[in-house]
Amino acid sequence: DGRADDAPALQRALDSCPDDRVVFLPAGTYRLGRGLRT
């Protein structure tokens, strides 16, 4: 929604994602309070 900090949940999704799979972000504005690691 562009307001909530989505970085923690998005990082957990990336960390949990099995190899060769996709973490999908539908249309929206994702505010990141910090960088992400892949």
PDB file of all heavy atoms in Angstrom:
ATOM      1  N   ASP A   1       0.808  -1.225   0.000  1.00  0.00           N
ATOM      2  CA  ASP A   1       0.000   0.000   0.000  1.00  0.00           C
ATOM      3  C   ASP A   1       0.845   1.280   0.000  1.00  0.00           C
ATOM      4  O   ASP A   1       0.303   2.376   0.049  1.00  0.00           O
ATOM      5  CB  ASP A   1      -0.936   0.008   1.209  1.00  0.00           C
ATOM      6  CG  ASP A   1      -0.210  -0.005   2.545  1.00  0.00           C
ATOM      7  OD1 ASP A   1       1.043   0.067   2.591  1.00  0.00           O
ATOM      8  OD2 ASP A   1      -0.900  -0.105   3.582  1.00  0.00           O
ATOM      9  N   GLY A   2       2.168   1.138  -0.012  1.00  0.00           N
ATOM     10  CA  GLY A   2       3.049   2.296  -0.014  1.00  0.00           C
ATOM     11  C   GLY A   2       3.256   2.924   1.348  1.00  0.00           C
ATOM     12  O   GLY A   2       4.028   3.863   1.486  1.00  0.00           O
ATOM     13  N   ARG A   3       2.558   2.426   2.368  1.00  0.00           N
ATOM     14  CA  ARG A   3       2.687   2.987   3.724  1.00  0.00           C
ATOM     15  C   ARG A   3       3.380   2.009   4.665  1.00  0.00           C
ATOM     16  O   ARG A   3       4.300   2.376   5.370  1.00  0.00           O
ATOM     17  CB  ARG A   3       1.320   3.369   4.265  1.00  0.00           C
ATOM     18  CG  ARG A   3       0.679   4.537   3.521  1.00  0.00           C
ATOM     19  CD  ARG A   3      -0.647   4.983   4.122  1.00  0.00           C
ATOM     20  NE  ARG A   3      -1.634   3.920   4.269  1.00  0.00           N
ATOM     21  CZ  ARG A   3      -2.477   3.516   3.320  1.00  0.00           C
ATOM     22  NH1 ARG A   3      -2.441   4.096   2.140  1.00  0.00           N
ATOM     23  NH2 ARG A   3      -3.341   2.562   3.546  1.00  0.00           N
ATOM     24  N   ALA A   4       2.925   0.778   4.692  1.00  0.00           N
ATOM     25  CA  ALA A   4       3.509  -0.230   5.588  1.00  0.00           C
ATOM     26  C   ALA A   4       4.900  -0.613   5.081  1.00  0.00           C
ATOM     27  O   ALA A   4       5.154  -0.631   3.873  1.00  0.00           O
ATOM     28  CB  ALA A   4       2.612  -1.459   5.633  1.00  0.00           C
ATOM     29  N   ASP A   5       5.801  -0.917   6.008  1.00  0.00           N
ATOM     30  CA  ASP A   5       7.135  -1.384   5.633  1.00  0.00           C
ATOM     31  C   ASP A   5       7.024  -2.864   5.270  1.00  0.00           C
ATOM     32  O   ASP A   5       6.852  -3.719   6.136  1.00  0.00           O
ATOM     33  CB  ASP A   5       8.112  -1.178   6.786  1.00  0.00           C
ATOM     34  CG  ASP A   5       9.537  -1.581   6.432  1.00  0.00           C
ATOM     35  OD1 ASP A   5       9.781  -2.024   5.290  1.00  0.00           O
ATOM     36  OD2 ASP A   5      10.416  -1.460   7.300  1.00  0.00           O
ATOM     37  N   ASP A   6       7.132  -3.177   3.993  1.00  0.00           N
ATOM     38  CA  ASP A   6       7.006  -4.549   3.511  1.00  0.00           C
ATOM     39  C   ASP A   6       8.328  -5.305   3.500  1.00  0.00           C
ATOM     40  O   ASP A   6       8.347  -6.500   3.194  1.00  0.00           O
ATOM     41  CB  ASP A   6       6.407  -4.546   2.099  1.00  0.00           C
ATOM     42  CG  ASP A   6       4.935  -4.176   2.088  1.00  0.00           C
ATOM     43  OD1 ASP A   6       4.197  -4.654   2.963  1.00  0.00           O
ATOM     44  OD2 ASP A   6       4.523  -3.407   1.201  1.00  0.00           O
ATOM     45  N   ALA A   7       9.434  -4.648   3.831  1.00  0.00           N
ATOM     46  CA  ALA A   7      10.743  -5.295   3.747  1.00  0.00           C
ATOM     47  C   ALA A   7      10.857  -6.552   4.612  1.00  0.00           C
ATOM     48  O   ALA A   7      11.354  -7.569   4.125  1.00  0.00           O
ATOM     49  CB  ALA A   7      11.857  -4.303   4.086  1.00  0.00           C
ATOM     50  N   PRO A   8      10.421  -6.557   5.885  1.00  0.00           N
ATOM     51  CA  PRO A   8      10.587  -7.777   6.683  1.00  0.00           C
ATOM     52  C   PRO A   8       9.864  -8.987   6.091  1.00  0.00           C
ATOM     53  O   PRO A   8      10.444 -10.070   5.981  1.00  0.00           O
ATOM     54  CB  PRO A   8      10.015  -7.389   8.052  1.00  0.00           C
ATOM     55  CG  PRO A   8      10.174  -5.903   8.120  1.00  0.00           C
ATOM     56  CD  PRO A   8       9.929  -5.436   6.709  1.00  0.00           C
ATOM     57  N   ALA A   9       8.618  -8.824   5.673  1.00  0.00           N
ATOM     58  CA  ALA A   9       7.865  -9.947   5.108  1.00  0.00           C
ATOM     59  C   ALA A   9       8.450 -10.368   3.762  1.00  0.00           C
ATOM     60  O   ALA A   9       8.555 -11.570   3.472  1.00  0.00           O
ATOM     61  CB  ALA A   9       6.395  -9.576   4.945  1.00  0.00           C
ATOM     62  N   LEU A  10       8.857  -9.405   2.966  1.00  0.00           N
ATOM     63  CA  LEU A  10       9.425  -9.726   1.666  1.00  0.00           C
ATOM     64  C   LEU A  10      10.759 -10.455   1.827  1.00  0.00           C
ATOM     65  O   LEU A  10      11.045 -11.417   1.105  1.00  0.00           O
ATOM     66  CB  LEU A  10       9.590  -8.452   0.842  1.00  0.00           C
ATOM     67  CG  LEU A  10       9.912  -8.613  -0.623  1.00  0.00           C
ATOM     68  CD1 LEU A  10       8.996  -9.619  -1.313  1.00  0.00           C
ATOM     69  CD2 LEU A  10       9.845  -7.274  -1.320  1.00  0.00           C
ATOM     70  N   GLN A  11      11.558 -10.048   2.795  1.00  0.00           N
ATOM     71  CA  GLN A  11      12.828 -10.750   3.044  1.00  0.00           C
ATOM     72  C   GLN A  11      12.566 -12.174   3.518  1.00  0.00           C
ATOM     73  O   GLN A  11      13.245 -13.107   3.087  1.00  0.00           O
ATOM     74  CB  GLN A  11      13.687  -9.998   4.068  1.00  0.00           C
ATOM     75  CG  GLN A  11      15.065 -10.602   4.241  1.00  0.00           C
ATOM     76  CD  GLN A  11      15.883 -10.525   2.966  1.00  0.00           C
ATOM     77  OE1 GLN A  11      16.163  -9.441   2.463  1.00  0.00           O
ATOM     78  NE2 GLN A  11      16.276 -11.671   2.416  1.00  0.00           N
ATOM     79  N   ARG A  12      11.572 -12.370   4.383  1.00  0.00           N
ATOM     80  CA  ARG A  12      11.222 -13.735   4.824  1.00  0.00           C
ATOM     81  C   ARG A  12      10.775 -14.587   3.635  1.00  0.00           C
ATOM     82  O   ARG A  12      11.116 -15.769   3.536  1.00  0.00           O
ATOM     83  CB  ARG A  12      10.144 -13.700   5.896  1.00  0.00           C
ATOM     84  CG  ARG A  12      10.671 -13.334   7.277  1.00  0.00           C
ATOM     85  CD  ARG A  12       9.640 -13.551   8.367  1.00  0.00           C
ATOM     86  NE  ARG A  12       8.513 -12.638   8.254  1.00  0.00           N
ATOM     87  CZ  ARG A  12       8.468 -11.414   8.771  1.00  0.00           C
ATOM     88  NH1 ARG A  12       9.502 -10.947   9.459  1.00  0.00           N
ATOM     89  NH2 ARG A  12       7.402 -10.658   8.624  1.00  0.00           N
ATOM     90  N   ALA A  13      10.015 -13.991   2.717  1.00  0.00           N
ATOM     91  CA  ALA A  13       9.570 -14.724   1.527  1.00  0.00           C
ATOM     92  C   ALA A  13      10.769 -15.127   0.668  1.00  0.00           C
ATOM     93  O   ALA A  13      10.850 -16.268   0.208  1.00  0.00           O
ATOM     94  CB  ALA A  13       8.583 -13.882   0.719  1.00  0.00           C
ATOM     95  N   LEU A  14      11.707 -14.214   0.464  1.00  0.00           N
ATOM     96  CA  LEU A  14      12.903 -14.526  -0.316  1.00  0.00           C
ATOM     97  C   LEU A  14      13.739 -15.601   0.370  1.00  0.00           C
ATOM     98  O   LEU A  14      14.240 -16.520  -0.285  1.00  0.00           O
ATOM     99  CB  LEU A  14      13.742 -13.265  -0.532  1.00  0.00           C
ATOM    100  CG  LEU A  14      13.172 -12.242  -1.500  1.00  0.00           C
ATOM    101  CD1 LEU A  14      13.920 -10.913  -1.387  1.00  0.00           C
ATOM    102  CD2 LEU A  14      13.216 -12.767  -2.926  1.00  0.00           C
ATOM    103  N   ASP A  15      13.876 -15.508   1.686  1.00  0.00           N
ATOM    104  CA  ASP A  15      14.669 -16.490   2.438  1.00  0.00           C
ATOM    105  C   ASP A  15      14.017 -17.872   2.427  1.00  0.00           C
ATOM    106  O   ASP A  15      14.707 -18.889   2.463  1.00  0.00           O
ATOM    107  CB  ASP A  15      14.855 -16.040   3.894  1.00  0.00           C
ATOM    108  CG  ASP A  15      15.749 -14.816   4.026  1.00  0.00           C
ATOM    109  OD1 ASP A  15      16.469 -14.475   3.060  1.00  0.00           O
ATOM    110  OD2 ASP A  15      15.707 -14.183   5.104  1.00  0.00           O
ATOM    111  N   SER A  16      12.697 -17.938   2.383  1.00  0.00           N
ATOM    112  CA  SER A  16      11.958 -19.200   2.428  1.00  0.00           C
ATOM    113  C   SER A  16      11.768 -19.832   1.054  1.00  0.00           C
ATOM    114  O   SER A  16      11.407 -21.008   0.957  1.00  0.00           O
ATOM    115  CB  SER A  16      10.564 -18.974   3.027  1.00  0.00           C
ATOM    116  OG  SER A  16      10.657 -18.421   4.306  1.00  0.00           O
ATOM    117  N   CYS A  17      11.970 -19.074   0.019  1.00  0.00           N
ATOM    118  CA  CYS A  17      11.677 -19.522  -1.341  1.00  0.00           C
ATOM    119  C   CYS A  17      12.641 -20.631  -1.778  1.00  0.00           C
ATOM    120  O   CYS A  17      13.857 -20.457  -1.724  1.00  0.00           O
ATOM    121  CB  CYS A  17      11.779 -18.340  -2.306  1.00  0.00           C
ATOM    122  SG  CYS A  17      11.232 -18.721  -3.983  1.00  0.00           S
ATOM    123  N   PRO A  18      12.100 -21.757  -2.238  1.00  0.00           N
ATOM    124  CA  PRO A  18      12.972 -22.819  -2.765  1.00  0.00           C
ATOM    125  C   PRO A  18      13.674 -22.366  -4.041  1.00  0.00           C
ATOM    126  O   PRO A  18      13.206 -21.458  -4.734  1.00  0.00           O
ATOM    127  CB  PRO A  18      11.994 -23.963  -3.078  1.00  0.00           C
ATOM    128  CG  PRO A  18      10.743 -23.637  -2.350  1.00  0.00           C
ATOM    129  CD  PRO A  18      10.691 -22.147  -2.236  1.00  0.00           C
ATOM    130  N   ASP A  19      14.780 -23.017  -4.356  1.00  0.00           N
ATOM    131  CA  ASP A  19      15.512 -22.710  -5.581  1.00  0.00           C
ATOM    132  C   ASP A  19      14.603 -22.816  -6.803  1.00  0.00           C
ATOM    133  O   ASP A  19      13.706 -23.668  -6.853  1.00  0.00           O
ATOM    134  CB  ASP A  19      16.681 -23.685  -5.765  1.00  0.00           C
ATOM    135  CG  ASP A  19      17.757 -23.503  -4.709  1.00  0.00           C
ATOM    136  OD1 ASP A  19      17.649 -22.572  -3.894  1.00  0.00           O
ATOM    137  OD2 ASP A  19      18.708 -24.307  -4.702  1.00  0.00           O
ATOM    138  N   ASP A  20      14.866 -21.966  -7.777  1.00  0.00           N
ATOM    139  CA  ASP A  20      14.162 -21.960  -9.064  1.00  0.00           C
ATOM    140  C   ASP A  20      12.680 -21.651  -8.960  1.00  0.00           C
ATOM    141  O   ASP A  20      11.894 -22.066  -9.812  1.00  0.00           O
ATOM    142  CB  ASP A  20      14.384 -23.282  -9.812  1.00  0.00           C
ATOM    143  CG  ASP A  20      15.844 -23.495 -10.161  1.00  0.00           C
ATOM    144  OD1 ASP A  20      16.501 -22.512 -10.562  1.00  0.00           O
ATOM    145  OD2 ASP A  20      16.338 -24.625 -10.017  1.00  0.00           O
ATOM    146  N   ARG A  21      12.278 -20.926  -7.930  1.00  0.00           N
ATOM    147  CA  ARG A  21      10.886 -20.520  -7.772  1.00  0.00           C
ATOM    148  C   ARG A  21      10.802 -19.000  -7.780  1.00  0.00           C
ATOM    149  O   ARG A  21      11.797 -18.293  -7.752  1.00  0.00           O
ATOM    150  CB  ARG A  21      10.299 -21.055  -6.465  1.00  0.00           C
ATOM    151  CG  ARG A  21      10.268 -22.560  -6.373  1.00  0.00           C
ATOM    152  CD  ARG A  21       9.237 -23.138  -7.337  1.00  0.00           C
ATOM    153  NE  ARG A  21       9.257 -24.569  -7.377  1.00  0.00           N
ATOM    154  CZ  ARG A  21       8.416 -25.358  -6.743  1.00  0.00           C
ATOM    155  NH1 ARG A  21       7.468 -24.861  -5.991  1.00  0.00           N
ATOM    156  NH2 ARG A  21       8.520 -26.665  -6.862  1.00  0.00           N
ATOM    157  N   VAL A  22       9.560 -18.498  -7.760  1.00  0.00           N
ATOM    158  CA  VAL A  22       9.290 -17.067  -7.879  1.00  0.00           C
ATOM    159  C   VAL A  22       8.584 -16.542  -6.642  1.00  0.00           C
ATOM    160  O   VAL A  22       7.641 -17.157  -6.151  1.00  0.00           O
ATOM    161  CB  VAL A  22       8.392 -16.799  -9.122  1.00  0.00           C
ATOM    162  CG1 VAL A  22       7.958 -15.345  -9.197  1.00  0.00           C
ATOM    163  CG2 VAL A  22       9.098 -17.232 -10.395  1.00  0.00           C
ATOM    164  N   VAL A  23       9.047 -15.402  -6.142  1.00  0.00           N
ATOM    165  CA  VAL A  23       8.311 -14.623  -5.148  1.00  0.00           C
ATOM    166  C   VAL A  23       7.608 -13.544  -5.964  1.00  0.00           C
ATOM    167  O   VAL A  23       8.255 -12.713  -6.613  1.00  0.00           O
ATOM    168  CB  VAL A  23       9.245 -13.999  -4.092  1.00  0.00           C
ATOM    169  CG1 VAL A  23       8.478 -13.056  -3.185  1.00  0.00           C
ATOM    170  CG2 VAL A  23       9.937 -15.089  -3.281  1.00  0.00           C
ATOM    171  N   PHE A  24       6.274 -13.590  -5.985  1.00  0.00           N
ATOM    172  CA  PHE A  24       5.490 -12.707  -6.841  1.00  0.00           C
ATOM    173  C   PHE A  24       4.913 -11.533  -6.065  1.00  0.00           C
ATOM    174  O   PHE A  24       4.293 -11.709  -5.015  1.00  0.00           O
ATOM    175  CB  PHE A  24       4.357 -13.485  -7.508  1.00  0.00           C
ATOM    176  CG  PHE A  24       3.503 -12.630  -8.388  1.00  0.00           C
ATOM    177  CD1 PHE A  24       4.018 -12.043  -9.535  1.00  0.00           C
ATOM    178  CD2 PHE A  24       2.181 -12.392  -8.072  1.00  0.00           C
ATOM    179  CE1 PHE A  24       3.231 -11.238 -10.352  1.00  0.00           C
ATOM    180  CE2 PHE A  24       1.378 -11.588  -8.871  1.00  0.00           C
ATOM    181  CZ  PHE A  24       1.915 -11.015 -10.016  1.00  0.00           C
ATOM    182  N   LEU A  25       5.127 -10.335  -6.600  1.00  0.00           N
ATOM    183  CA  LEU A  25       4.588  -9.106  -6.041  1.00  0.00           C
ATOM    184  C   LEU A  25       3.508  -8.584  -6.988  1.00  0.00           C
ATOM    185  O   LEU A  25       3.823  -8.050  -8.049  1.00  0.00           O
ATOM    186  CB  LEU A  25       5.663  -8.029  -5.900  1.00  0.00           C
ATOM    187  CG  LEU A  25       6.656  -8.173  -4.766  1.00  0.00           C
ATOM    188  CD1 LEU A  25       7.647  -9.278  -5.028  1.00  0.00           C
ATOM    189  CD2 LEU A  25       7.362  -6.865  -4.545  1.00  0.00           C
ATOM    190  N   PRO A  26       2.226  -8.757  -6.641  1.00  0.00           N
ATOM    191  CA  PRO A  26       1.161  -8.223  -7.487  1.00  0.00           C
ATOM    192  C   PRO A  26       1.242  -6.697  -7.550  1.00  0.00           C
ATOM    193  O   PRO A  26       2.027  -6.075  -6.824  1.00  0.00           O
ATOM    194  CB  PRO A  26      -0.117  -8.650  -6.777  1.00  0.00           C
ATOM    195  CG  PRO A  26       0.278  -9.698  -5.821  1.00  0.00           C
ATOM    196  CD  PRO A  26       1.719  -9.444  -5.479  1.00  0.00           C
ATOM    197  N   ALA A  27       0.428  -6.102  -8.373  1.00  0.00           N
ATOM    198  CA  ALA A  27       0.410  -4.646  -8.511  1.00  0.00           C
ATOM    199  C   ALA A  27       0.264  -3.985  -7.141  1.00  0.00           C
ATOM    200  O   ALA A  27      -0.500  -4.442  -6.298  1.00  0.00           O
ATOM    201  CB  ALA A  27      -0.731  -4.223  -9.429  1.00  0.00           C
ATOM    202  N   GLY A  28       1.034  -2.939  -6.931  1.00  0.00           N
ATOM    203  CA  GLY A  28       0.995  -2.192  -5.679  1.00  0.00           C
ATOM    204  C   GLY A  28       2.307  -1.458  -5.491  1.00  0.00           C
ATOM    205  O   GLY A  28       3.233  -1.590  -6.287  1.00  0.00           O
ATOM    206  N   THR A  29       2.381  -0.683  -4.417  1.00  0.00           N
ATOM    207  CA  THR A  29       3.611   0.021  -4.058  1.00  0.00           C
ATOM    208  C   THR A  29       4.122  -0.586  -2.766  1.00  0.00           C
ATOM    209  O   THR A  29       3.427  -0.567  -1.744  1.00  0.00           O
ATOM    210  CB  THR A  29       3.356   1.528  -3.887  1.00  0.00           C
ATOM    211  OG1 THR A  29       2.882   2.050  -5.144  1.00  0.00           O
ATOM    212  CG2 THR A  29       4.623   2.268  -3.486  1.00  0.00           C
ATOM    213  N   TYR A  30       5.306  -1.143  -2.821  1.00  0.00           N
ATOM    214  CA  TYR A  30       5.915  -1.835  -1.692  1.00  0.00           C
ATOM    215  C   TYR A  30       7.002  -0.950  -1.106  1.00  0.00           C
ATOM    216  O   TYR A  30       8.020  -0.695  -1.744  1.00  0.00           O
ATOM    217  CB  TYR A  30       6.486  -3.180  -2.143  1.00  0.00           C
ATOM    218  CG  TYR A  30       5.417  -4.096  -2.687  1.00  0.00           C
ATOM    219  CD1 TYR A  30       4.986  -3.990  -4.006  1.00  0.00           C
ATOM    220  CD2 TYR A  30       4.809  -5.033  -1.870  1.00  0.00           C
ATOM    221  CE1 TYR A  30       3.982  -4.797  -4.496  1.00  0.00           C
ATOM    222  CE2 TYR A  30       3.794  -5.852  -2.348  1.00  0.00           C
ATOM    223  CZ  TYR A  30       3.391  -5.720  -3.668  1.00  0.00           C
ATOM    224  OH  TYR A  30       2.397  -6.529  -4.155  1.00  0.00           O
ATOM    225  N   ARG A  31       6.760  -0.461   0.114  1.00  0.00           N
ATOM    226  CA  ARG A  31       7.744   0.402   0.776  1.00  0.00           C
ATOM    227  C   ARG A  31       8.742  -0.484   1.492  1.00  0.00           C
ATOM    228  O   ARG A  31       8.369  -1.415   2.208  1.00  0.00           O
ATOM    229  CB  ARG A  31       7.074   1.334   1.785  1.00  0.00           C
ATOM    230  CG  ARG A  31       8.057   2.345   2.389  1.00  0.00           C
ATOM    231  CD  ARG A  31       7.365   3.330   3.312  1.00  0.00           C
ATOM    232  NE  ARG A  31       6.925   2.737   4.549  1.00  0.00           N
ATOM    233  CZ  ARG A  31       7.701   2.541   5.618  1.00  0.00           C
ATOM    234  NH1 ARG A  31       8.979   2.871   5.584  1.00  0.00           N
ATOM    235  NH2 ARG A  31       7.202   2.017   6.719  1.00  0.00           N
ATOM    236  N   LEU A  32      10.022  -0.211   1.269  1.00  0.00           N
ATOM    237  CA  LEU A  32      11.093  -0.972   1.889  1.00  0.00           C
ATOM    238  C   LEU A  32      11.847  -0.078   2.857  1.00  0.00           C
ATOM    239  O   LEU A  32      12.442   0.912   2.448  1.00  0.00           O
ATOM    240  CB  LEU A  32      12.050  -1.516   0.819  1.00  0.00           C
ATOM    241  CG  LEU A  32      11.408  -2.329  -0.300  1.00  0.00           C
ATOM    242  CD1 LEU A  32      12.453  -2.733  -1.322  1.00  0.00           C
ATOM    243  CD2 LEU A  32      10.681  -3.538   0.259  1.00  0.00           C
ATOM    244  N   GLY A  33      11.823  -0.439   4.124  1.00  0.00           N
ATOM    245  CA  GLY A  33      12.552   0.315   5.135  1.00  0.00           C
ATOM    246  C   GLY A  33      14.010  -0.083   5.197  1.00  0.00           C
ATOM    247  O   GLY A  33      14.794   0.509   5.935  1.00  0.00           O
ATOM    248  N   ARG A  34      14.389  -1.082   4.416  1.00  0.00           N
ATOM    249  CA  ARG A  34      15.787  -1.523   4.329  1.00  0.00           C
ATOM    250  C   ARG A  34      15.949  -2.288   3.026  1.00  0.00           C
ATOM    251  O   ARG A  34      14.975  -2.642   2.374  1.00  0.00           O
ATOM    252  CB  ARG A  34      16.166  -2.399   5.517  1.00  0.00           C
ATOM    253  CG  ARG A  34      15.349  -3.676   5.617  1.00  0.00           C
ATOM    254  CD  ARG A  34      15.763  -4.485   6.849  1.00  0.00           C
ATOM    255  NE  ARG A  34      14.879  -5.580   7.136  1.00  0.00           N
ATOM    256  CZ  ARG A  34      14.999  -6.804   6.630  1.00  0.00           C
ATOM    257  NH1 ARG A  34      15.968  -7.074   5.785  1.00  0.00           N
ATOM    258  NH2 ARG A  34      14.160  -7.766   6.972  1.00  0.00           N
ATOM    259  N   GLY A  35      17.192  -2.551   2.663  1.00  0.00           N
ATOM    260  CA  GLY A  35      17.463  -3.303   1.445  1.00  0.00           C
ATOM    261  C   GLY A  35      17.097  -4.769   1.598  1.00  0.00           C
ATOM    262  O   GLY A  35      16.856  -5.253   2.712  1.00  0.00           O
ATOM    263  N   LEU A  36      17.063  -5.471   0.488  1.00  0.00           N
ATOM    264  CA  LEU A  36      16.745  -6.894   0.472  1.00  0.00           C
ATOM    265  C   LEU A  36      17.964  -7.686   0.007  1.00  0.00           C
ATOM    266  O   LEU A  36      18.779  -7.184  -0.758  1.00  0.00           O
ATOM    267  CB  LEU A  36      15.581  -7.169  -0.479  1.00  0.00           C
ATOM    268  CG  LEU A  36      14.279  -6.462  -0.167  1.00  0.00           C
ATOM    269  CD1 LEU A  36      13.283  -6.675  -1.300  1.00  0.00           C
ATOM    270  CD2 LEU A  36      13.703  -6.958   1.151  1.00  0.00           C
ATOM    271  N   ARG A  37      18.046  -8.933   0.465  1.00  0.00           N
ATOM    272  CA  ARG A  37      19.119  -9.833   0.045  1.00  0.00           C
ATOM    273  C   ARG A  37      18.505 -11.015  -0.702  1.00  0.00           C
ATOM    274  O   ARG A  37      17.485 -11.550  -0.280  1.00  0.00           O
ATOM    275  CB  ARG A  37      19.878 -10.386   1.258  1.00  0.00           C
ATOM    276  CG  ARG A  37      20.601  -9.349   2.080  1.00  0.00           C
ATOM    277  CD  ARG A  37      21.212  -9.947   3.344  1.00  0.00           C
ATOM    278  NE  ARG A  37      20.363 -10.906   4.047  1.00  0.00           N
ATOM    279  CZ  ARG A  37      19.350 -10.593   4.872  1.00  0.00           C
ATOM    280  NH1 ARG A  37      19.056  -9.332   5.094  1.00  0.00           N
ATOM    281  NH2 ARG A  37      18.643 -11.529   5.469  1.00  0.00           N
ATOM    282  N   THR A  38      19.148 -11.420  -1.773  1.00  0.00           N
ATOM    283  CA  THR A  38      18.720 -12.618  -2.490  1.00  0.00           C
ATOM    284  C   THR A  38      19.830 -13.658  -2.389  1.00  0.00           C
ATOM    285  O   THR A  38      20.944 -13.347  -1.985  1.00  0.00           O
ATOM    286  CB  THR A  38      18.422 -12.324  -3.976  1.00  0.00           C
ATOM    287  OG1 THR A  38      19.606 -11.818  -4.579  1.00  0.00           O
ATOM    288  CG2 THR A  38      17.294 -11.320  -4.125  1.00  0.00           C
TER     289      THR A  38
END
